């Protein structure tokens, strides 16, 4: 069967904050000018917000610009940040540190970013944007000149053997004059665009963290709406970048999470298990006593900042949001910058599309120019040196951050560089195994019970979306040299070394049904042998309030 095709002026891949903001801004300009631009969003999650996971404390700066009357329209920003705490943890003690100015959350809101995206989706549809959840963009389409011509959604009903089943339905081609890629961190299509158009040629490697989060309903007597609690230190050693968050939302709910830089060195480290034992710290554990865990999830996040921003445009399209990497690491916020990038790309797209003779292969050169003139650029430039300063250890990073913030005020006459994450992993023979406590099933849990409450589901009879470039590498390289670190860095129990009863014949088993789409394997695999591609649309987690 041939693929059907649909024509739009703009196709947006991903219904996250940047993609939805771009769509809304395009339709706002249409209403202001009386001109029409057709806009479509494809979203691999089963609904808008299903795959959205963030802390999250939202800085409403971009939202104020995009929808100034968001309060009257019922945006789910219900809990103003009221109390900032920045803690240093030892194994048994907690010490309050001065809150860095970047982490001052006065005027911000503790939110479920998934619910914010659901609301933004409603605003977009009310303006005439077509949103298609449950359709994964699996292929970039190019015209005869090599310009991006849109995307194709994945075929449905392909069996594990690669053959068509009785339920086979071919994907749909979505043709557009401009395609905006808003896939989020480590987008599967964006990886190909980076290579084809050499978009990363003149920037530092992107560097990443893994964020693991749980949502809890806690004792009302322990609930402090508006509390924003961050920590550094234990359980991380001083050479490993990481820290926690505790955010108290409305309704006796508390979001708890841990972020670990994916440049960590010890292959025995398990981010999931570090997060679990963090909850047992004497200053943290009381929050969880008598509480109930509601949801779980994980997601990689960009940490490279300013010096890792790639070239943003190419013939026929552009990168927006976390696909490009606009997270402000010291603020621990990227939603406001992602939204603003989408808005600026939308303005450039509308201008290009409405010029006389506008055709295919448009390159939005006005978009990066507008971005460089915006507050996004100056904000990220001012904090560009803080995350890479932690390459030298926690104490050096803290000392430099204070110097850069208070003395140089972000205007130091140098720029520290970023490194790729996967080469930082040491061989197992150079490191000490870590003995993690067994889960108690009340405050700490195992991976499989955690994946269960992420509502993750994939059609089982489909090719695994976690692909290997070389099937020999997991045993001959990863197991032999690094003791198969994929068993530990994956927060969902996807990768497992299985053996015969006598312990012989080790082989890698990939439990793709467990995948929560965090992309950590695609980033941290020391051989860069794992390639994450999209599964059938609608598969993956279904986060209700994350």
Protein backbone atom coordinates (compact mmCIF):
# COMPACT_ATOMS: atom_id res chain seq x y z
CA UNK A 1 0.00 0.00 0.00
CA UNK A 2 1.26 3.45 -0.85
CA UNK A 3 1.54 6.12 1.81
CA UNK A 4 -1.01 8.87 1.77
CA UNK A 5 0.24 12.45 1.95
CA UNK A 6 -1.06 15.66 3.49
CA UNK A 7 0.10 19.19 2.72
CA UNK A 8 0.73 21.92 5.29
CA UNK A 9 2.64 25.15 5.42
CA UNK A 10 4.29 24.17 8.73
CA UNK A 11 4.68 20.74 10.31
CA UNK A 12 5.92 20.57 13.89
CA UNK A 13 7.40 17.36 15.31
CA UNK A 14 6.56 17.12 19.00
CA UNK A 15 3.83 18.60 21.20
CA UNK A 16 6.08 19.81 23.99
CA UNK A 17 6.43 23.39 25.22
CA UNK A 18 8.44 24.63 22.23
CA UNK A 19 6.33 22.93 19.55
CA UNK A 20 3.03 24.06 21.04
CA UNK A 21 4.33 27.61 21.56
CA UNK A 22 5.46 27.78 17.94
CA UNK A 23 2.05 26.61 16.73
CA UNK A 24 0.18 29.04 18.94
CA UNK A 25 2.37 31.96 17.90
CA UNK A 26 1.90 31.15 14.21
CA UNK A 27 -1.87 31.15 14.55
CA UNK A 28 -1.81 34.31 16.66
CA UNK A 29 0.02 36.13 13.87
CA UNK A 30 -2.48 34.75 11.37
CA UNK A 31 -5.30 36.27 13.43
CA UNK A 32 -3.42 39.57 13.73
CA UNK A 33 -2.69 39.87 9.98
CA UNK A 34 -5.70 38.18 8.40
CA UNK A 35 -3.41 35.76 6.56
CA UNK A 36 -3.65 32.00 6.97
CA UNK A 37 -0.87 29.47 7.56
CA UNK A 38 -1.80 25.82 7.99
CA UNK A 39 -0.09 24.18 10.97
CA UNK A 40 0.08 20.53 12.03
CA UNK A 41 1.74 18.91 15.06
CA UNK A 42 2.55 15.19 15.28
CA UNK A 43 3.16 13.74 18.74
CA UNK A 44 4.43 10.23 19.45
CA UNK A 45 2.73 10.06 22.86
CA UNK A 46 -0.79 8.68 23.13
CA UNK A 47 -1.98 12.18 24.06
CA UNK A 48 -0.44 15.61 24.47
CA UNK A 49 1.58 15.51 27.69
CA UNK A 50 1.84 11.70 27.87
CA UNK A 51 5.62 11.78 27.40
CA UNK A 52 6.32 15.08 29.18
CA UNK A 53 8.42 14.78 32.32
CA UNK A 54 10.07 17.62 34.18
CA UNK A 55 10.57 18.75 37.79
CA UNK A 56 9.13 21.34 37.32
CA UNK A 57 9.40 24.90 38.51
CA UNK A 58 8.19 27.09 35.66
CA UNK A 59 9.44 30.61 35.07
CA UNK A 60 6.43 32.23 33.32
CA UNK A 61 8.38 34.81 31.31
CA UNK A 62 7.71 33.26 27.90
CA UNK A 63 4.15 32.33 28.83
CA UNK A 64 3.49 35.93 29.83
CA UNK A 65 4.61 36.99 26.36
CA UNK A 66 2.71 34.26 24.51
CA UNK A 67 -0.61 34.29 26.40
CA UNK A 68 -0.69 37.31 28.73
CA UNK A 69 -4.13 36.37 30.10
CA UNK A 70 -3.15 32.78 30.95
CA UNK A 71 -4.58 33.07 34.46
CA UNK A 72 -8.01 33.99 33.15
CA UNK A 73 -7.80 31.14 30.64
CA UNK A 74 -7.18 28.59 33.38
CA UNK A 75 -3.53 27.66 32.87
CA UNK A 76 -2.58 25.02 35.47
CA UNK A 77 -0.06 27.17 37.33
CA UNK A 78 -1.61 26.70 40.75
CA UNK A 79 1.29 26.71 43.24
CA UNK A 80 3.54 29.78 43.48
CA UNK A 81 7.06 28.99 44.64
CA UNK A 82 7.24 30.26 48.22
CA UNK A 83 10.31 28.90 49.99
CA UNK A 84 13.72 28.17 48.41
CA UNK A 85 16.12 25.85 50.19
CA UNK A 86 19.54 24.82 48.88
CA UNK A 87 21.12 22.03 50.89
CA UNK A 88 24.44 20.22 51.08
CA UNK A 89 24.11 16.61 52.20
CA UNK A 90 26.58 14.32 53.88
CA UNK A 91 25.61 10.73 54.54
CA UNK A 92 23.87 11.66 57.79
CA UNK A 93 23.64 15.46 57.92
CA UNK A 94 22.07 18.31 55.92
CA UNK A 95 23.48 21.84 55.86
CA UNK A 96 21.61 24.81 54.42
CA UNK A 97 23.67 26.84 51.95
CA UNK A 98 23.00 30.33 50.60
CA UNK A 99 20.60 30.05 47.67
CA UNK A 100 22.41 31.00 44.43
CA UNK A 101 20.71 33.92 42.67
CA UNK A 102 19.94 31.76 39.64
CA UNK A 103 17.92 29.45 41.91
CA UNK A 104 15.78 32.21 43.41
CA UNK A 105 12.27 31.15 42.42
CA UNK A 106 10.31 34.21 43.49
CA UNK A 107 7.58 34.70 40.87
CA UNK A 108 7.82 31.12 39.55
CA UNK A 109 5.33 28.26 39.83
CA UNK A 110 5.58 24.58 40.76
CA UNK A 111 3.71 22.73 38.00
CA UNK A 112 3.05 19.48 36.25
CA UNK A 113 4.63 20.27 32.89
CA UNK A 114 2.53 17.54 31.30
CA UNK A 115 -0.62 19.34 32.41
CA UNK A 116 0.77 22.67 31.19
CA UNK A 117 1.31 21.07 27.77
CA UNK A 118 -2.20 19.64 27.76
CA UNK A 119 -3.52 23.14 28.40
CA UNK A 120 -1.27 24.63 25.69
CA UNK A 121 -2.58 21.97 23.33
CA UNK A 122 -6.14 23.13 24.01
CA UNK A 123 -5.12 26.72 23.26
CA UNK A 124 -3.46 25.65 20.02
CA UNK A 125 -6.45 23.64 18.82
CA UNK A 126 -8.78 26.52 19.62
CA UNK A 127 -6.71 28.63 17.23
CA UNK A 128 -6.96 26.07 14.43
CA UNK A 129 -3.82 23.97 14.90
CA UNK A 130 -4.23 20.31 13.92
CA UNK A 131 -2.65 18.01 16.53
CA UNK A 132 -2.21 14.29 15.89
CA UNK A 133 -1.18 12.40 19.05
CA UNK A 134 -0.23 8.76 18.76
CA UNK A 135 1.65 9.32 15.49
CA UNK A 136 5.45 9.02 15.72
CA UNK A 137 7.49 10.90 13.14
CA UNK A 138 9.84 8.15 11.96
CA UNK A 139 11.46 9.58 8.84
CA UNK A 140 12.58 12.95 7.49
CA UNK A 141 11.50 13.55 3.91
CA UNK A 142 13.75 15.43 1.48
CA UNK A 143 13.07 16.97 -1.91
CA UNK A 144 15.17 16.55 -5.04
CA UNK A 145 17.52 19.34 -3.90
CA UNK A 146 18.16 17.78 -0.48
CA UNK A 147 15.96 20.22 1.45
CA UNK A 148 13.65 18.96 4.17
CA UNK A 149 10.18 18.41 2.73
CA UNK A 150 8.39 17.20 5.85
CA UNK A 151 8.22 13.94 7.77
CA UNK A 152 6.57 10.54 7.52
CA UNK A 153 4.92 8.81 10.43
CA UNK A 154 5.89 5.23 11.18
CA UNK A 155 4.15 2.24 9.69
CA UNK A 156 1.79 0.42 12.05
CA UNK A 157 1.37 -3.34 12.15
CA UNK A 158 4.93 -4.49 11.41
CA UNK A 159 5.72 -7.68 13.33
CA UNK A 160 8.88 -8.57 15.25
CA UNK A 161 10.11 -10.42 12.17
CA UNK A 162 9.90 -7.23 10.11
CA UNK A 163 6.98 -8.54 8.06
CA UNK A 164 3.58 -6.93 7.69
CA UNK A 165 0.83 -8.30 9.95
CA UNK A 166 -2.92 -8.34 9.31
CA UNK A 167 -3.07 -4.97 11.08
CA UNK A 168 -0.57 -3.29 8.78
CA UNK A 169 -1.21 0.38 8.04
CA UNK A 170 1.40 2.45 6.18
CA UNK A 171 2.60 5.72 7.63
CA UNK A 172 1.44 9.08 6.35
CA UNK A 173 3.66 11.65 4.64
CA UNK A 174 3.23 15.16 6.01
CA UNK A 175 4.63 17.60 3.47
CA UNK A 176 5.48 21.12 4.53
CA UNK A 177 7.29 24.19 3.33
CA UNK A 178 8.84 24.46 6.81
CA UNK A 179 9.31 21.66 9.36
CA UNK A 180 10.11 22.56 12.95
CA UNK A 181 11.72 19.80 15.00
CA UNK A 182 10.64 20.01 18.64
CA UNK A 183 11.47 16.42 19.62
CA UNK A 184 12.99 17.24 22.99
CA UNK A 185 16.37 16.09 24.26
CA UNK A 186 18.21 13.67 21.94
CA UNK A 187 15.54 13.62 19.26
CA UNK A 188 15.74 10.57 17.02
CA UNK A 189 15.19 12.52 13.77
CA UNK A 190 17.35 15.41 14.91
CA UNK A 191 20.36 13.09 15.18
CA UNK A 192 20.14 12.48 11.45
CA UNK A 193 19.74 16.19 10.73
CA UNK A 194 22.87 16.95 12.76
CA UNK A 195 24.83 14.60 10.50
CA UNK A 196 23.29 15.44 7.15
CA UNK A 197 23.64 19.21 7.53
CA UNK A 198 26.74 19.18 9.82
CA UNK A 199 24.83 21.24 12.37
CA UNK A 200 27.26 20.43 15.21
CA UNK A 201 30.40 21.28 13.26
CA UNK A 202 31.05 24.60 15.02
CA UNK A 203 29.86 23.92 18.56
CA UNK A 204 30.92 21.87 21.57
CA UNK A 205 29.54 18.35 22.06
CA UNK A 206 26.23 18.28 23.83
CA UNK A 207 26.44 16.96 27.37
CA UNK A 208 23.52 15.42 29.23
CA UNK A 209 22.05 14.38 32.54
CA UNK A 210 19.45 11.81 33.46
CA UNK A 211 16.54 13.01 35.55
CA UNK A 212 14.51 10.45 37.48
CA UNK A 213 11.27 11.55 39.12
CA UNK A 214 8.50 10.24 41.32
CA UNK A 215 5.22 11.85 42.31
CA UNK A 216 3.98 11.20 45.86
CA UNK A 217 0.88 11.97 47.88
CA UNK A 218 2.20 12.86 51.33
CA UNK A 219 0.88 13.42 54.84
CA UNK A 220 -0.98 16.78 54.89
CA UNK A 221 0.88 17.73 58.08
CA UNK A 222 4.19 17.42 56.22
CA UNK A 223 2.97 19.16 53.07
CA UNK A 224 4.30 22.68 52.51
CA UNK A 225 2.82 24.09 49.29
CA UNK A 226 5.39 26.16 47.43
CA UNK A 227 8.46 24.55 49.02
CA UNK A 228 11.34 24.29 46.51
CA UNK A 229 14.11 22.12 47.99
CA UNK A 230 17.35 21.30 46.17
CA UNK A 231 20.43 19.44 47.34
CA UNK A 232 23.94 18.57 46.24
CA UNK A 233 26.44 16.20 47.81
CA UNK A 234 25.50 12.74 49.09
CA UNK A 235 24.89 10.20 47.65
CA UNK A 236 27.15 11.48 44.86
CA UNK A 237 30.92 11.57 45.36
CA UNK A 238 32.65 14.88 44.78
CA UNK A 239 33.68 13.92 41.23
CA UNK A 240 30.16 13.12 40.03
CA UNK A 241 27.73 15.87 39.07
CA UNK A 242 24.29 15.40 40.56
CA UNK A 243 21.62 16.71 42.85
CA UNK A 244 18.05 16.37 44.02
CA UNK A 245 14.78 18.26 44.05
CA UNK A 246 11.70 18.17 46.24
CA UNK A 247 8.80 20.32 45.03
CA UNK A 248 5.54 20.61 46.98
CA UNK A 249 2.57 21.07 44.64
CA UNK A 250 -1.11 21.49 45.44
CA UNK A 251 -3.27 18.64 46.73
CA UNK A 252 -0.73 17.21 49.18
CA UNK A 253 1.44 16.14 46.26
CA UNK A 254 5.22 16.24 46.21
CA UNK A 255 7.51 15.75 43.22
CA UNK A 256 10.86 14.22 44.10
CA UNK A 257 13.70 13.65 41.71
CA UNK A 258 17.39 13.21 41.18
CA UNK A 259 19.58 14.36 38.28
CA UNK A 260 22.98 12.83 37.54
CA UNK A 261 25.34 14.10 34.86
CA UNK A 262 25.90 11.42 32.22
CA UNK A 263 29.62 12.13 32.23
CA UNK A 264 29.92 10.00 35.38
CA UNK A 265 32.92 7.64 35.33
CA UNK A 266 32.09 4.53 37.37
CA UNK A 267 30.32 1.90 35.22
CA UNK A 268 28.89 0.36 38.40
CA UNK A 269 26.90 3.51 39.18
CA UNK A 270 23.14 3.12 38.81
CA UNK A 271 21.27 6.46 38.62
CA UNK A 272 18.03 4.72 39.58
CA UNK A 273 19.52 3.18 42.71
CA UNK A 274 21.28 6.42 43.69
CA UNK A 275 17.89 8.10 43.57
CA UNK A 276 16.30 5.40 45.70
CA UNK A 277 18.91 5.61 48.43
CA UNK A 278 18.76 9.41 48.40
CA UNK A 279 15.21 9.08 49.74
CA UNK A 280 16.58 7.34 52.83
CA UNK A 281 18.63 10.36 53.94
CA UNK A 282 17.59 11.45 57.49
CA UNK A 283 16.62 14.93 56.21
CA UNK A 284 14.52 13.49 53.38
CA UNK A 285 13.01 10.25 54.64
CA UNK A 286 10.39 11.83 56.96
CA UNK A 287 8.54 13.29 53.94
CA UNK A 288 7.89 9.75 52.67
CA UNK A 289 6.71 8.18 55.90
CA UNK A 290 2.99 7.54 55.65
CA UNK A 291 3.05 8.69 52.00
CA UNK A 292 1.96 6.96 48.79
CA UNK A 293 3.88 6.84 45.51
CA UNK A 294 1.68 7.78 42.54
CA UNK A 295 3.87 7.86 39.46
CA UNK A 296 7.42 7.32 38.18
CA UNK A 297 9.39 8.37 35.11
CA UNK A 298 12.77 9.33 33.72
CA UNK A 299 14.12 11.57 30.96
CA UNK A 300 17.49 12.74 29.71
CA UNK A 301 18.13 16.49 29.70
CA UNK A 302 20.61 18.73 27.91
CA UNK A 303 23.32 20.26 30.09
CA UNK A 304 25.67 21.72 27.48
CA UNK A 305 24.10 25.16 27.43
CA UNK A 306 25.36 28.04 25.36
CA UNK A 307 28.52 26.53 23.87
CA UNK A 308 26.70 23.37 22.74
CA UNK A 309 23.95 25.11 20.75
CA UNK A 310 24.18 23.78 17.17
CA UNK A 311 23.43 25.54 13.91
CA UNK A 312 19.66 25.88 14.19
CA UNK A 313 18.48 26.05 10.59
CA UNK A 314 18.82 24.15 7.34
CA UNK A 315 16.91 24.21 4.05
CA UNK A 316 13.29 23.48 4.86
CA UNK A 317 13.44 23.43 8.63
CA UNK A 318 14.78 24.41 12.04
CA UNK A 319 15.46 23.07 15.53
CA UNK A 320 13.57 24.47 18.51
CA UNK A 321 13.39 23.80 22.24
CA UNK A 322 15.35 21.03 23.91
CA UNK A 323 16.09 19.45 20.53
CA UNK A 324 18.58 22.30 20.19
CA UNK A 325 19.48 22.49 23.90
CA UNK A 326 18.35 25.71 25.58
CA UNK A 327 18.28 24.46 29.20
CA UNK A 328 19.62 26.94 31.74
CA UNK A 329 21.47 24.47 34.00
CA UNK A 330 22.10 26.73 37.04
CA UNK A 331 18.41 27.69 37.04
CA UNK A 332 17.42 24.05 36.44
CA UNK A 333 14.88 25.42 33.95
CA UNK A 334 14.43 25.12 30.22
CA UNK A 335 10.70 25.46 29.60
CA UNK A 336 10.74 29.26 29.33
CA UNK A 337 13.70 29.26 26.94
CA UNK A 338 12.22 26.41 24.89
CA UNK A 339 8.92 28.25 24.55
CA UNK A 340 10.64 31.46 23.50
CA UNK A 341 12.69 29.64 20.85
CA UNK A 342 9.47 28.22 19.41
CA UNK A 343 7.85 31.64 19.38
CA UNK A 344 10.82 33.23 17.58
CA UNK A 345 10.95 30.41 15.03
CA UNK A 346 7.23 30.87 14.41
CA UNK A 347 7.65 34.58 13.73
CA UNK A 348 10.49 33.88 11.31
CA UNK A 349 8.46 31.14 9.62
CA UNK A 350 5.41 33.35 9.14
CA UNK A 351 7.54 36.12 7.65
CA UNK A 352 9.23 33.69 5.24
CA UNK A 353 6.01 31.96 4.21
CA UNK A 354 4.15 35.16 3.43
CA UNK A 355 6.85 36.61 1.21
CA UNK A 356 5.98 36.65 -2.46
CA UNK A 357 7.10 33.51 -4.25
CA UNK A 358 7.82 31.55 -1.08
CA UNK A 359 8.29 27.90 -1.95
CA UNK A 360 9.94 24.81 -0.55
CA UNK A 361 13.44 24.66 0.93
CA UNK A 362 13.13 27.89 2.93
CA UNK A 363 15.94 28.47 5.44
CA UNK A 364 14.82 30.54 8.42
CA UNK A 365 17.92 32.69 8.77
CA UNK A 366 15.89 35.30 10.66
CA UNK A 367 15.27 32.79 13.48
CA UNK A 368 18.82 32.49 14.87
CA UNK A 369 19.29 36.21 14.39
CA UNK A 370 16.19 36.91 16.47
CA UNK A 371 17.29 34.38 19.07
CA UNK A 372 20.68 36.06 19.45
CA UNK A 373 18.92 39.39 20.01
CA UNK A 374 16.58 37.92 22.63
CA UNK A 375 16.81 37.38 26.36
CA UNK A 376 17.37 33.65 25.75
CA UNK A 377 20.81 34.27 24.30
CA UNK A 378 21.98 36.67 26.98
CA UNK A 379 20.60 34.43 29.74
CA UNK A 380 22.41 31.33 28.49
CA UNK A 381 25.62 33.24 27.73
CA UNK A 382 25.76 34.58 31.27
CA UNK A 383 25.78 31.11 32.84
CA UNK A 384 27.78 29.29 30.16
CA UNK A 385 30.75 28.46 32.39
CA UNK A 386 28.97 27.07 35.46
CA UNK A 387 28.16 23.51 34.38
CA UNK A 388 31.57 22.84 32.74
CA UNK A 389 33.28 24.12 35.90
CA UNK A 390 31.99 21.00 37.66
CA UNK A 391 34.15 18.84 35.37
CA UNK A 392 36.85 19.58 37.95
CA UNK A 393 34.78 18.29 40.89
CA UNK A 394 32.03 19.59 43.14
CA UNK A 395 34.12 21.90 45.32
CA UNK A 396 35.91 23.45 42.35
CA UNK A 397 32.58 23.85 40.59
CA UNK A 398 30.98 25.59 43.57
CA UNK A 399 33.96 27.89 44.04
CA UNK A 400 34.10 28.83 40.38
CA UNK A 401 30.32 29.32 40.21
CA UNK A 402 30.48 31.82 43.07
CA UNK A 403 33.36 33.64 41.37
CA UNK A 404 31.63 33.70 37.99
CA UNK A 405 28.29 34.82 39.47
CA UNK A 406 29.35 37.45 41.97
CA UNK A 407 32.65 38.78 40.59
CA UNK A 408 32.41 38.39 36.82
CA UNK A 409 28.59 38.46 36.74
CA UNK A 410 28.59 36.04 33.83
CA UNK A 411 30.98 38.16 31.76
CA UNK A 412 34.26 36.30 32.28
CA UNK A 413 36.58 36.82 29.29
CA UNK A 414 36.76 33.07 28.62
CA UNK A 415 34.46 30.17 27.86
CA UNK A 416 34.97 26.74 29.40
CA UNK A 417 34.46 23.82 27.05
CA UNK A 418 32.15 20.80 27.17
CA UNK A 419 33.07 17.19 26.51
CA UNK A 420 31.02 14.26 25.22
CA UNK A 421 29.64 12.00 27.94
CA UNK A 422 30.18 8.45 26.71
CA UNK A 423 34.03 8.53 26.57
CA UNK A 424 34.17 9.50 30.27
CA UNK A 425 33.21 5.99 31.45
CA UNK A 426 36.15 4.12 32.97
CA UNK A 427 36.72 0.41 32.61
CA UNK A 428 35.24 -1.82 35.29
CA UNK A 429 38.72 -2.97 36.32
CA UNK A 430 39.54 0.61 37.36
CA UNK A 431 36.44 1.09 39.52
CA UNK A 432 34.81 -0.26 42.66
CA UNK A 433 31.37 -1.89 42.56
CA UNK A 434 28.65 -0.07 44.51
CA UNK A 435 26.57 -1.97 47.05
CA UNK A 436 23.05 -0.54 46.94
CA UNK A 437 20.51 -1.30 49.68
CA UNK A 438 17.64 -3.59 48.73
CA UNK A 439 14.31 -1.78 48.16
CA UNK A 440 11.87 -1.85 51.06
CA UNK A 441 8.73 -1.47 48.92
CA UNK A 442 7.59 1.48 51.02
CA UNK A 443 10.06 4.31 50.34
CA UNK A 444 12.48 2.61 47.93
CA UNK A 445 11.48 0.40 45.02
CA UNK A 446 12.83 -1.77 42.22
CA UNK A 447 12.82 -0.82 38.55
CA UNK A 448 10.02 -3.07 37.38
CA UNK A 449 7.49 -1.90 39.97
CA UNK A 450 8.47 1.65 39.06
CA UNK A 451 7.98 1.10 35.34
CA UNK A 452 4.54 -0.34 36.14
CA UNK A 453 3.32 2.97 37.58
CA UNK A 454 4.72 4.92 34.63
CA UNK A 455 1.88 3.29 32.63
CA UNK A 456 4.42 2.30 29.98
CA UNK A 457 3.07 0.11 27.19
CA UNK A 458 4.27 -0.94 23.76
CA UNK A 459 2.73 -3.21 21.18
CA UNK A 460 4.76 -6.38 21.77
CA UNK A 461 4.67 -7.65 18.20
CA UNK A 462 6.82 -4.96 16.62
CA UNK A 463 10.53 -4.61 15.87
CA UNK A 464 12.49 -3.43 18.90
CA UNK A 465 12.99 0.33 18.77
CA UNK A 466 16.27 -0.08 20.66
CA UNK A 467 18.56 -1.12 17.84
CA UNK A 468 22.19 -2.23 17.82
CA UNK A 469 24.60 -1.12 15.12
CA UNK A 470 26.78 -4.19 15.85
CA UNK A 471 25.26 -7.13 17.73
CA UNK A 472 28.64 -8.38 18.92
CA UNK A 473 29.54 -5.22 20.85
CA UNK A 474 27.37 -5.74 23.98
CA UNK A 475 29.28 -8.89 24.95
CA UNK A 476 32.69 -8.45 23.33
CA UNK A 477 33.12 -4.80 24.41
CA UNK A 478 30.54 -3.58 26.93
CA UNK A 479 30.46 -6.72 29.09
CA UNK A 480 34.15 -7.49 28.73
CA UNK A 481 35.42 -3.99 29.51
CA UNK A 482 32.64 -2.22 31.43
CA UNK A 483 30.64 -5.08 33.02
CA UNK A 484 27.61 -4.24 30.83
CA UNK A 485 26.78 -0.76 32.21
CA UNK A 486 23.52 -0.65 30.21
CA UNK A 487 22.07 -2.89 32.94
CA UNK A 488 22.58 -0.01 35.37
CA UNK A 489 22.28 3.27 33.49
CA UNK A 490 18.87 2.33 32.08
CA UNK A 491 16.24 3.34 34.68
CA UNK A 492 13.64 0.92 33.34
CA UNK A 493 15.26 -2.53 33.31
CA UNK A 494 15.37 -2.66 29.51
CA UNK A 495 18.85 -4.21 29.22
CA UNK A 496 19.71 -7.52 30.83
CA UNK A 497 22.62 -9.93 30.49
CA UNK A 498 21.23 -13.47 30.52
CA UNK A 499 23.21 -16.71 30.66
CA UNK A 500 22.67 -20.43 30.45
CA UNK A 501 22.10 -22.32 33.72
CA UNK A 502 25.81 -22.99 34.11
CA UNK A 503 26.67 -19.28 33.74
CA UNK A 504 28.02 -19.61 30.21
CA UNK A 505 26.94 -18.04 26.92
CA UNK A 506 26.22 -14.48 28.07
CA UNK A 507 23.97 -12.48 25.77
CA UNK A 508 22.12 -9.17 25.87
CA UNK A 509 18.36 -9.32 26.26
CA UNK A 510 16.50 -6.13 25.34
CA UNK A 511 13.15 -5.76 27.11
CA UNK A 512 11.93 -2.98 24.82
CA UNK A 513 8.41 -3.05 26.29
CA UNK A 514 9.82 -1.46 29.49
CA UNK A 515 11.32 1.59 27.76
CA UNK A 516 10.20 4.94 29.19
CA UNK A 517 11.80 6.86 26.27
CA UNK A 518 14.42 8.58 28.43
CA UNK A 519 17.13 8.19 25.69
CA UNK A 520 19.89 7.54 28.27
CA UNK A 521 21.10 4.41 26.45
CA UNK A 522 21.50 6.34 23.21
CA UNK A 523 23.71 8.84 25.05
CA UNK A 524 25.72 6.84 27.61
CA UNK A 525 26.53 3.63 25.72
CA UNK A 526 30.36 3.70 25.73
CA UNK A 527 30.55 2.26 22.21
CA UNK A 528 27.69 4.41 20.85
CA UNK A 529 26.30 1.14 19.54
CA UNK A 530 22.71 1.64 20.72
CA UNK A 531 20.51 3.64 18.38
CA UNK A 532 17.11 4.70 19.78
CA UNK A 533 14.44 4.97 17.07
CA UNK A 534 10.75 5.59 17.50
CA UNK A 535 8.42 2.66 18.20
CA UNK A 536 4.84 2.59 16.95
CA UNK A 537 3.02 5.80 17.78
CA UNK A 538 1.25 5.85 21.11
CA UNK A 539 3.80 3.53 22.73
CA UNK A 540 5.86 4.42 25.78
CA UNK A 541 4.89 5.98 29.10
CA UNK A 542 1.56 7.62 29.83
CA UNK A 543 2.36 10.12 32.53
CA UNK A 544 -0.82 11.42 34.19
CA UNK A 545 0.50 14.38 36.18
CA UNK A 546 4.25 14.60 35.62
